């Protein structure tokens, strides 16, 4: 399912409430203000909530975690104050969307508004107010950092060359090995496989209508391992975390009724709604995915093997064969050349290549074409089965970045470095001119940025 659970994120959000539900103490000190940054306050409970959030995520710190958090919060307050002076505003639609996503995740994890209020020991409307404020402040902080970064002059080739010439070789970035690859793809008979799945689901649905338990058949047949062992039950969840086709079908059902077949990128489902509350529902489902036979594989491999032979015999070019015979719309118009869908780059690092593809590529020389293989495409949650041949077009060996070969990558590095320097300079200047008072409780902290040490209150 479409991100059915964001369990780590939910655990982190939920853990943040634990501290506020108790006496709020740290080493015997009752909760209090521990830092004043201009007109902004940071409390001990703010620190403890963040500690618990980080702990829930399994994060660790090589320095005192509370010192790191306090410094990060103080820096954020400096940016927030400047954002308000600069009259920056937030896009309330984006805030609403982020708040809704956060609320949906928590409500799904805790079983609805009642569970949220009970766990956090606060009414839901109060949590919405607090989280909205946090999102707005975080957004303003990010916008102010972007404003600072925008004022940095564009990086020039001279800047990049100077960066290389003045940096020790061991400090220059290492560019990992990269591959440029082309492919010709053939899909199995999806229509026949889909028809077979639908027939199986209709048979299962008929058995349920005739009195067999949905939960029993889900345990036997569903291909969603997370819910199958629970009899197909998904738990009370917001409709927004499912594929739209799934949630639309579920929300249209009455409790206890069984849906017709529903298609999503994950496969084919039948759904039984158990309960609905507003825009949340609890449902069972049985998921079946198309399966293909050895005949499908043999047929596709025969086509691909014939194309490979024709290319090797120079009867047709790889590019022409891809344009005429490949069934992958994303690459056939480019003569089979693959590209990263996120960046558009034609070069892939090893961890960006599907394992099945890399197994076929790793022993090829540049220009060689693989035997037919079975792989996955980029559709759905796990990808759909596809058969293909691959040509290794180029290998760029791992190397120390150079001006001639890696100018684009170095340009980004230098730009980022300048932005970080500008942000650090902003923080140092603001520390000097802003009213800041830090509680002596944190006097032993070794802060990253100079200047904080002069801001401690007297014991």
Protein backbone atom coordinates (compact mmCIF):
# COMPACT_ATOMS: atom_id res chain seq x y z
CA UNK A 1 0.00 0.00 0.00
CA UNK A 2 0.97 3.64 -0.46
CA UNK A 3 3.01 4.33 2.66
CA UNK A 4 0.56 2.48 4.90
CA UNK A 5 2.65 3.25 7.93
CA UNK A 6 5.38 5.79 8.58
CA UNK A 7 6.17 4.04 11.84
CA UNK A 8 9.53 5.62 12.60
CA UNK A 9 8.20 9.13 11.96
CA UNK A 10 5.11 8.42 14.05
CA UNK A 11 7.15 7.03 16.91
CA UNK A 12 9.25 10.16 16.91
CA UNK A 13 6.22 12.43 16.97
CA UNK A 14 4.55 10.40 19.67
CA UNK A 15 7.67 10.28 21.83
CA UNK A 16 7.76 14.06 21.90
CA UNK A 17 4.64 14.03 24.07
CA UNK A 18 5.98 11.75 26.76
CA UNK A 19 7.96 14.43 28.52
CA UNK A 20 5.11 16.95 28.69
CA UNK A 21 2.85 14.34 30.25
CA UNK A 22 5.09 14.03 33.31
CA UNK A 23 6.69 16.33 35.82
CA UNK A 24 9.14 17.78 33.25
CA UNK A 25 12.40 17.45 35.14
CA UNK A 26 15.99 17.20 34.02
CA UNK A 27 18.57 16.20 36.58
CA UNK A 28 16.30 17.42 39.34
CA UNK A 29 15.61 20.83 37.78
CA UNK A 30 11.95 21.75 37.26
CA UNK A 31 11.09 22.93 33.74
CA UNK A 32 12.09 26.52 33.10
CA UNK A 33 13.42 28.91 30.49
CA UNK A 34 17.05 28.04 29.71
CA UNK A 35 17.80 30.54 26.94
CA UNK A 36 16.50 33.91 25.83
CA UNK A 37 17.28 34.98 22.25
CA UNK A 38 15.96 38.48 21.76
CA UNK A 39 12.27 38.05 22.50
CA UNK A 40 12.30 34.29 21.94
CA UNK A 41 12.45 31.70 24.75
CA UNK A 42 13.76 28.13 24.82
CA UNK A 43 12.60 25.95 27.71
CA UNK A 44 14.08 22.84 29.25
CA UNK A 45 11.05 20.86 28.10
CA UNK A 46 11.76 21.95 24.51
CA UNK A 47 15.17 20.29 24.80
CA UNK A 48 13.85 17.14 26.45
CA UNK A 49 11.13 16.68 23.85
CA UNK A 50 13.74 16.83 21.10
CA UNK A 51 15.99 14.39 22.97
CA UNK A 52 13.17 11.86 23.13
CA UNK A 53 12.32 12.46 19.47
CA UNK A 54 15.92 11.77 18.44
CA UNK A 55 16.10 8.72 20.68
CA UNK A 56 12.94 7.33 19.10
CA UNK A 57 14.58 7.66 15.69
CA UNK A 58 17.62 5.74 16.88
CA UNK A 59 19.88 8.75 16.40
CA UNK A 60 23.06 9.22 18.40
CA UNK A 61 25.43 12.11 19.09
CA UNK A 62 29.20 12.16 19.48
CA UNK A 63 28.88 15.27 21.66
CA UNK A 64 26.49 16.15 24.43
CA UNK A 65 23.15 15.79 22.70
CA UNK A 66 21.47 18.49 24.79
CA UNK A 67 24.24 20.97 24.03
CA UNK A 68 23.88 20.29 20.31
CA UNK A 69 20.12 20.71 20.47
CA UNK A 70 20.32 23.94 22.47
CA UNK A 71 22.78 25.48 20.00
CA UNK A 72 20.63 24.39 17.03
CA UNK A 73 17.55 25.93 18.65
CA UNK A 74 19.37 29.18 19.45
CA UNK A 75 20.56 29.45 15.85
CA UNK A 76 17.00 28.85 14.62
CA UNK A 77 15.74 31.66 16.85
CA UNK A 78 18.27 34.05 15.27
CA UNK A 79 16.99 33.20 11.80
CA UNK A 80 13.38 33.43 12.98
CA UNK A 81 13.91 36.91 14.42
CA UNK A 82 15.52 38.11 11.18
CA UNK A 83 12.73 36.55 9.09
CA UNK A 84 10.21 38.59 11.05
CA UNK A 85 12.30 41.75 10.63
CA UNK A 86 12.42 41.04 6.90
CA UNK A 87 8.60 40.60 6.89
CA UNK A 88 8.83 37.12 5.40
CA UNK A 89 5.56 35.22 5.22
CA UNK A 90 4.62 31.58 4.94
CA UNK A 91 2.41 29.92 2.37
CA UNK A 92 -0.55 28.86 4.47
CA UNK A 93 -1.63 26.26 1.91
CA UNK A 94 1.74 24.54 2.30
CA UNK A 95 1.49 24.79 6.08
CA UNK A 96 -2.00 23.28 5.95
CA UNK A 97 -0.78 20.44 3.74
CA UNK A 98 2.19 19.66 6.00
CA UNK A 99 0.05 19.87 9.12
CA UNK A 100 -2.57 17.59 7.59
CA UNK A 101 0.08 15.05 6.65
CA UNK A 102 1.53 15.13 10.16
CA UNK A 103 -1.90 14.83 11.77
CA UNK A 104 -2.90 11.98 9.44
CA UNK A 105 0.24 10.04 10.33
CA UNK A 106 -0.32 10.46 14.06
CA UNK A 107 -4.03 9.74 13.88
CA UNK A 108 -3.32 6.61 11.86
CA UNK A 109 -0.70 5.42 14.35
CA UNK A 110 -2.89 6.11 17.40
CA UNK A 111 -6.29 5.12 16.07
CA UNK A 112 -7.99 8.47 15.53
CA UNK A 113 -8.53 11.74 17.36
CA UNK A 114 -9.45 10.06 20.65
CA UNK A 115 -6.23 8.06 20.68
CA UNK A 116 -4.17 11.15 19.82
CA UNK A 117 -5.72 13.21 22.62
CA UNK A 118 -5.23 10.39 25.14
CA UNK A 119 -1.61 9.76 24.18
CA UNK A 120 -0.51 13.38 24.10
CA UNK A 121 -2.63 14.38 27.10
CA UNK A 122 -3.90 17.34 25.09
CA UNK A 123 -6.98 18.00 22.99
CA UNK A 124 -6.43 17.64 19.26
CA UNK A 125 -7.19 21.31 18.58
CA UNK A 126 -4.38 22.29 20.98
CA UNK A 127 -1.91 19.97 19.25
CA UNK A 128 -2.92 21.42 15.89
CA UNK A 129 -2.20 24.92 17.19
CA UNK A 130 1.21 23.93 18.55
CA UNK A 131 2.25 21.97 15.48
CA UNK A 132 1.04 24.71 13.14
CA UNK A 133 3.19 27.22 15.00
CA UNK A 134 6.21 24.90 14.80
CA UNK A 135 5.73 24.37 11.07
CA UNK A 136 5.35 28.10 10.46
CA UNK A 137 8.48 28.91 12.46
CA UNK A 138 10.50 26.19 10.74
CA UNK A 139 9.32 27.48 7.36
CA UNK A 140 10.34 31.06 8.20
CA UNK A 141 13.73 29.86 9.41
CA UNK A 142 14.34 27.98 6.16
CA UNK A 143 13.20 30.95 4.09
CA UNK A 144 15.59 33.28 5.90
CA UNK A 145 18.49 30.91 5.24
CA UNK A 146 17.48 30.85 1.58
CA UNK A 147 17.43 34.66 1.54
CA UNK A 148 20.98 34.73 2.90
CA UNK A 149 22.08 32.16 0.32
CA UNK A 150 20.47 34.12 -2.53
CA UNK A 151 22.65 37.14 -1.84
CA UNK A 152 25.84 35.18 -2.51
CA UNK A 153 27.42 36.03 -5.90
CA UNK A 154 27.25 33.29 -8.52
CA UNK A 155 30.15 30.89 -8.50
CA UNK A 156 32.50 31.36 -11.45
CA UNK A 157 34.97 28.98 -13.11
CA UNK A 158 37.69 30.98 -11.36
CA UNK A 159 36.13 30.14 -7.97
CA UNK A 160 36.08 26.43 -8.84
CA UNK A 161 39.68 26.48 -10.08
CA UNK A 162 40.80 28.33 -6.96
CA UNK A 163 38.98 25.79 -4.77
CA UNK A 164 40.88 22.93 -6.44
CA UNK A 165 44.25 24.72 -6.36
CA UNK A 166 44.00 25.70 -2.69
CA UNK A 167 42.60 22.42 -1.36
CA UNK A 168 44.77 19.53 -0.29
CA UNK A 169 44.30 16.55 -2.61
CA UNK A 170 43.00 14.39 0.23
CA UNK A 171 40.28 16.98 0.94
CA UNK A 172 38.94 17.09 -2.60
CA UNK A 173 35.78 15.03 -3.17
CA UNK A 174 36.06 11.51 -4.58
CA UNK A 175 33.75 10.96 -7.53
CA UNK A 176 32.47 7.35 -7.37
CA UNK A 177 32.45 5.01 -10.35
CA UNK A 178 29.56 5.78 -12.70
CA UNK A 179 27.87 3.89 -15.52
CA UNK A 180 26.02 4.99 -18.63
CA UNK A 181 23.61 2.29 -19.82
CA UNK A 182 21.06 1.65 -22.57
CA UNK A 183 18.29 -0.95 -22.55
CA UNK A 184 15.69 -2.69 -24.69
CA UNK A 185 12.68 -3.90 -22.71
CA UNK A 186 9.92 -6.40 -23.35
CA UNK A 187 7.03 -6.84 -20.95
CA UNK A 188 5.20 -10.12 -20.35
CA UNK A 189 1.56 -10.39 -21.42
CA UNK A 190 0.14 -8.07 -18.77
CA UNK A 191 -3.41 -8.29 -20.05
CA UNK A 192 -3.56 -12.08 -19.75
CA UNK A 193 -1.96 -11.99 -16.29
CA UNK A 194 -4.37 -9.27 -15.13
CA UNK A 195 -7.32 -11.27 -16.38
CA UNK A 196 -6.12 -14.33 -14.45
CA UNK A 197 -5.74 -12.28 -11.24
CA UNK A 198 -9.20 -10.78 -11.59
CA UNK A 199 -10.71 -14.22 -12.08
CA UNK A 200 -9.03 -15.46 -8.89
CA UNK A 201 -10.24 -12.43 -6.93
CA UNK A 202 -13.79 -12.82 -8.22
CA UNK A 203 -13.71 -16.44 -7.08
CA UNK A 204 -12.46 -15.41 -3.62
CA UNK A 205 -15.08 -12.63 -3.42
CA UNK A 206 -17.82 -15.11 -4.28
CA UNK A 207 -16.65 -17.42 -1.48
CA UNK A 208 -16.88 -14.51 0.97
CA UNK A 209 -20.36 -13.56 -0.24
CA UNK A 210 -21.36 -17.22 0.27
CA UNK A 211 -20.31 -17.14 3.91
CA UNK A 212 -16.57 -17.80 4.21
CA UNK A 213 -14.63 -15.40 6.45
CA UNK A 214 -12.80 -12.56 4.74
CA UNK A 215 -10.04 -12.73 7.36
CA UNK A 216 -9.42 -16.44 6.77
CA UNK A 217 -9.13 -16.03 3.01
CA UNK A 218 -6.90 -12.98 3.46
CA UNK A 219 -4.48 -15.06 5.55
CA UNK A 220 -4.49 -17.76 2.88
CA UNK A 221 -4.26 -15.72 -0.30
CA UNK A 222 -3.36 -12.05 0.21
CA UNK A 223 0.03 -10.98 -1.12
CA UNK A 224 0.31 -8.03 1.26
CA UNK A 225 2.44 -9.69 3.98
CA UNK A 226 1.96 -6.87 6.47
CA UNK A 227 -1.81 -7.22 6.63
CA UNK A 228 -2.28 -10.86 5.58
CA UNK A 229 -1.18 -12.21 8.95
CA UNK A 230 -3.79 -9.92 10.54
CA UNK A 231 -6.57 -11.29 8.38
CA UNK A 232 -6.11 -8.46 5.90
CA UNK A 233 -6.88 -5.75 8.47
CA UNK A 234 -5.12 -2.42 7.98
CA UNK A 235 -6.24 -0.61 11.13
CA UNK A 236 -7.91 2.76 11.49
CA UNK A 237 -6.11 5.09 9.10
CA UNK A 238 -6.54 8.32 7.20
CA UNK A 239 -7.67 7.90 3.60
CA UNK A 240 -4.79 10.14 2.48
CA UNK A 241 -2.14 7.46 3.09
CA UNK A 242 -3.59 5.00 0.57
CA UNK A 243 -3.64 5.03 -3.20
CA UNK A 244 -6.58 7.26 -4.28
CA UNK A 245 -8.39 4.41 -6.05
CA UNK A 246 -8.18 2.31 -2.86
CA UNK A 247 -9.35 5.04 -0.47
CA UNK A 248 -12.14 6.17 -2.84
CA UNK A 249 -13.48 2.63 -3.04
CA UNK A 250 -13.25 2.12 0.72
CA UNK A 251 -14.93 5.43 1.57
CA UNK A 252 -17.82 4.62 -0.76
CA UNK A 253 -18.58 1.31 0.99
CA UNK A 254 -20.91 0.72 3.90
CA UNK A 255 -19.45 -1.11 6.90
CA UNK A 256 -19.49 -4.85 6.29
CA UNK A 257 -19.87 -4.64 2.51
CA UNK A 258 -17.35 -6.03 0.02
CA UNK A 259 -15.97 -3.99 -2.87
CA UNK A 260 -15.66 -4.95 -6.48
CA UNK A 261 -12.11 -5.43 -7.75
CA UNK A 262 -9.97 -2.30 -7.22
CA UNK A 263 -6.79 -1.73 -9.23
CA UNK A 264 -3.84 0.22 -7.81
CA UNK A 265 -0.12 0.33 -8.75
CA UNK A 266 0.39 -2.43 -6.15
CA UNK A 267 -1.98 -4.88 -7.85
CA UNK A 268 -5.64 -5.84 -7.52
CA UNK A 269 -7.69 -5.74 -4.31
CA UNK A 270 -11.04 -6.56 -2.82
CA UNK A 271 -11.92 -4.52 0.27
CA UNK A 272 -14.16 -4.95 3.28
CA UNK A 273 -14.77 -1.81 5.34
CA UNK A 274 -15.06 -2.46 9.08
CA UNK A 275 -15.52 1.09 10.39
CA UNK A 276 -15.52 4.70 9.17
CA UNK A 277 -14.94 7.90 11.14
CA UNK A 278 -14.89 11.11 9.15
CA UNK A 279 -12.02 10.78 6.66
CA UNK A 280 -10.60 7.71 8.39
CA UNK A 281 -11.49 4.07 7.97
CA UNK A 282 -10.51 0.60 9.09
CA UNK A 283 -10.66 -2.02 6.37
CA UNK A 284 -9.56 -5.48 5.40
CA UNK A 285 -8.22 -6.19 1.96
CA UNK A 286 -6.94 -9.06 -0.12
CA UNK A 287 -4.18 -8.12 -2.56
CA UNK A 288 -3.24 -10.24 -5.55
CA UNK A 289 -0.53 -9.36 -8.05
CA UNK A 290 -0.14 -10.50 -11.65
CA UNK A 291 2.07 -13.55 -12.02
CA UNK A 292 3.79 -14.73 -15.14
CA UNK A 293 4.63 -18.14 -16.48
CA UNK A 294 7.81 -19.69 -17.81
CA UNK A 295 6.22 -19.41 -21.25
CA UNK A 296 6.08 -15.61 -20.83
CA UNK A 297 9.76 -15.59 -19.97
CA UNK A 298 10.75 -17.86 -22.85
CA UNK A 299 8.75 -15.80 -25.35
CA UNK A 300 10.31 -12.50 -24.20
CA UNK A 301 13.83 -13.96 -24.06
CA UNK A 302 13.42 -15.28 -27.60
CA UNK A 303 12.54 -11.79 -28.88
CA UNK A 304 15.40 -10.16 -26.98
CA UNK A 305 17.91 -12.80 -28.01
CA UNK A 306 16.93 -12.31 -31.66
CA UNK A 307 17.37 -8.53 -31.33
CA UNK A 308 20.75 -8.98 -29.63
CA UNK A 309 21.95 -11.25 -32.44
CA UNK A 310 20.80 -8.78 -35.10
CA UNK A 311 22.63 -5.96 -33.34
CA UNK A 312 25.83 -7.98 -32.96
CA UNK A 313 25.63 -8.93 -36.65
CA UNK A 314 25.26 -5.22 -37.53
CA UNK A 315 21.87 -5.80 -39.15
CA UNK A 316 20.40 -3.06 -36.97
CA UNK A 317 21.82 -0.60 -34.45
CA UNK A 318 20.98 -0.84 -30.77
CA UNK A 319 19.37 2.62 -30.94
CA UNK A 320 17.14 1.67 -33.87
CA UNK A 321 16.13 -1.61 -32.24
CA UNK A 322 15.21 0.26 -29.03
CA UNK A 323 13.08 2.78 -30.94
CA UNK A 324 11.17 0.13 -32.84
CA UNK A 325 10.96 -2.79 -30.43
CA UNK A 326 11.46 -1.65 -26.82
CA UNK A 327 8.25 -1.46 -24.79
CA UNK A 328 9.61 0.98 -22.20
CA UNK A 329 8.23 4.43 -23.13
CA UNK A 330 10.74 6.28 -20.94
CA UNK A 331 13.81 5.05 -22.87
CA UNK A 332 12.78 3.91 -26.34
CA UNK A 333 12.51 7.45 -27.73
CA UNK A 334 16.14 8.03 -26.62
CA UNK A 335 17.41 4.96 -28.41
CA UNK A 336 17.25 3.01 -25.16
CA UNK A 337 19.44 5.35 -23.12
CA UNK A 338 18.52 5.23 -19.44
CA UNK A 339 18.33 8.37 -17.28
CA UNK A 340 17.80 9.04 -13.59
CA UNK A 341 14.11 10.09 -13.30
CA UNK A 342 14.97 12.46 -10.44
CA UNK A 343 17.94 14.32 -11.93
CA UNK A 344 17.79 13.53 -15.63
CA UNK A 345 21.44 12.44 -15.52
CA UNK A 346 22.47 9.61 -17.85
CA UNK A 347 25.15 8.47 -15.38
CA UNK A 348 24.36 6.11 -12.52
CA UNK A 349 26.29 5.21 -9.40
CA UNK A 350 26.16 1.58 -8.32
CA UNK A 351 23.51 2.11 -5.65
CA UNK A 352 21.25 3.79 -8.23
CA UNK A 353 21.20 0.70 -10.45
CA UNK A 354 18.71 -2.08 -9.80
CA UNK A 355 20.49 -5.16 -8.40
CA UNK A 356 19.28 -7.36 -11.28
CA UNK A 357 20.67 -4.87 -13.80
CA UNK A 358 24.01 -4.49 -12.02
CA UNK A 359 24.49 -8.28 -11.93
CA UNK A 360 24.23 -8.26 -15.72
CA UNK A 361 26.44 -5.18 -16.17
CA UNK A 362 29.32 -5.79 -13.79
CA UNK A 363 31.17 -8.23 -16.05
CA UNK A 364 30.55 -6.37 -19.32
CA UNK A 365 33.12 -4.28 -21.17
CA UNK A 366 32.15 -0.94 -22.66
CA UNK A 367 30.06 -1.52 -25.79
CA UNK A 368 29.07 -5.08 -24.89
CA UNK A 369 25.43 -6.21 -24.65
CA UNK A 370 24.12 -8.49 -21.92
CA UNK A 371 22.20 -11.69 -22.37
CA UNK A 372 18.44 -11.30 -21.74
CA UNK A 373 17.65 -10.83 -18.05
CA UNK A 374 14.62 -10.56 -15.79
CA UNK A 375 14.37 -7.26 -13.92
CA UNK A 376 11.92 -4.68 -12.55
CA UNK A 377 10.71 -1.32 -13.81
CA UNK A 378 9.99 1.80 -11.73
CA UNK A 379 6.22 1.47 -11.54
CA UNK A 380 4.28 0.79 -8.32
CA UNK A 381 5.79 0.24 -4.91
CA UNK A 382 8.07 -2.67 -5.81
CA UNK A 383 8.22 -2.36 -9.58
CA UNK A 384 6.72 -4.56 -12.28
CA UNK A 385 8.39 -7.49 -13.98
CA UNK A 386 10.20 -6.68 -17.21
CA UNK A 387 12.64 -8.54 -19.46
CA UNK A 388 15.54 -6.66 -21.03
CA UNK A 389 18.95 -6.59 -22.61
CA UNK A 390 21.46 -3.96 -21.49
CA UNK A 391 24.35 -2.28 -23.24
CA UNK A 392 27.17 -0.80 -21.19
CA UNK A 393 27.86 2.51 -22.92
CA UNK A 394 30.43 4.16 -20.66
CA UNK A 395 32.27 3.59 -17.39
CA UNK A 396 33.65 6.60 -15.55
CA UNK A 397 36.17 5.20 -13.01
CA UNK A 398 36.22 6.47 -9.44
CA UNK A 399 38.63 9.39 -9.18
CA UNK A 400 39.54 12.54 -7.32
CA UNK A 401 37.43 15.40 -8.65
CA UNK A 402 39.14 17.57 -11.26
CA UNK A 403 38.28 20.83 -12.98
CA UNK A 404 38.24 19.27 -16.43
CA UNK A 405 36.10 16.20 -15.69
CA UNK A 406 33.86 17.24 -12.82
CA UNK A 407 33.24 20.96 -13.16
CA UNK A 408 29.46 20.66 -12.68
CA UNK A 409 29.75 18.64 -9.46
CA UNK A 410 32.46 20.96 -8.11
CA UNK A 411 30.37 24.00 -8.97
CA UNK A 412 27.67 22.71 -6.62
CA UNK A 413 30.22 21.97 -3.90
CA UNK A 414 31.73 25.44 -4.04
CA UNK A 415 28.30 27.08 -4.09
CA UNK A 416 27.27 25.06 -1.04
CA UNK A 417 30.50 25.96 0.74
CA UNK A 418 29.93 29.66 0.13
CA UNK A 419 26.37 29.41 1.36
CA UNK A 420 27.48 27.71 4.56
CA UNK A 421 30.12 30.37 5.12
CA UNK A 422 27.52 33.13 4.65
CA UNK A 423 25.16 31.46 7.10
CA UNK A 424 27.91 31.01 9.69
CA UNK A 425 28.94 34.65 9.31
CA UNK A 426 25.32 35.69 9.79
CA UNK A 427 25.10 33.68 13.02
CA UNK A 428 28.37 35.11 14.40
CA UNK A 429 27.28 38.70 13.69
CA UNK A 430 23.83 38.17 15.21
CA UNK A 431 25.32 36.66 18.37
CA UNK A 432 27.31 39.87 18.84
CA UNK A 433 24.35 42.27 18.52
CA UNK A 434 21.42 40.25 19.92
CA UNK A 435 20.34 40.13 23.55
CA UNK A 436 21.10 36.56 24.58
CA UNK A 437 21.05 34.94 27.99
CA UNK A 438 21.88 31.25 28.52
CA UNK A 439 21.27 29.38 31.78
CA UNK A 440 24.47 28.33 33.63
CA UNK A 441 23.10 24.76 33.60
CA UNK A 442 24.66 24.53 30.12
CA UNK A 443 27.95 26.27 30.92
CA UNK A 444 29.97 23.10 30.27
CA UNK A 445 28.75 22.84 26.67
CA UNK A 446 31.33 23.06 23.91
CA UNK A 447 29.37 24.99 21.29
CA UNK A 448 30.31 24.79 17.62
CA UNK A 449 30.05 28.55 16.97
CA UNK A 450 32.12 31.08 18.86
CA UNK A 451 30.36 33.78 20.87
CA UNK A 452 27.82 31.82 22.88
CA UNK A 453 30.26 31.43 25.80
CA UNK A 454 29.95 35.15 26.61
CA UNK A 455 26.17 34.94 26.95
CA UNK A 456 25.80 32.88 30.12
CA UNK A 457 23.83 34.39 32.96
CA UNK A 458 25.57 34.78 36.34
CA UNK A 459 25.16 31.78 38.69
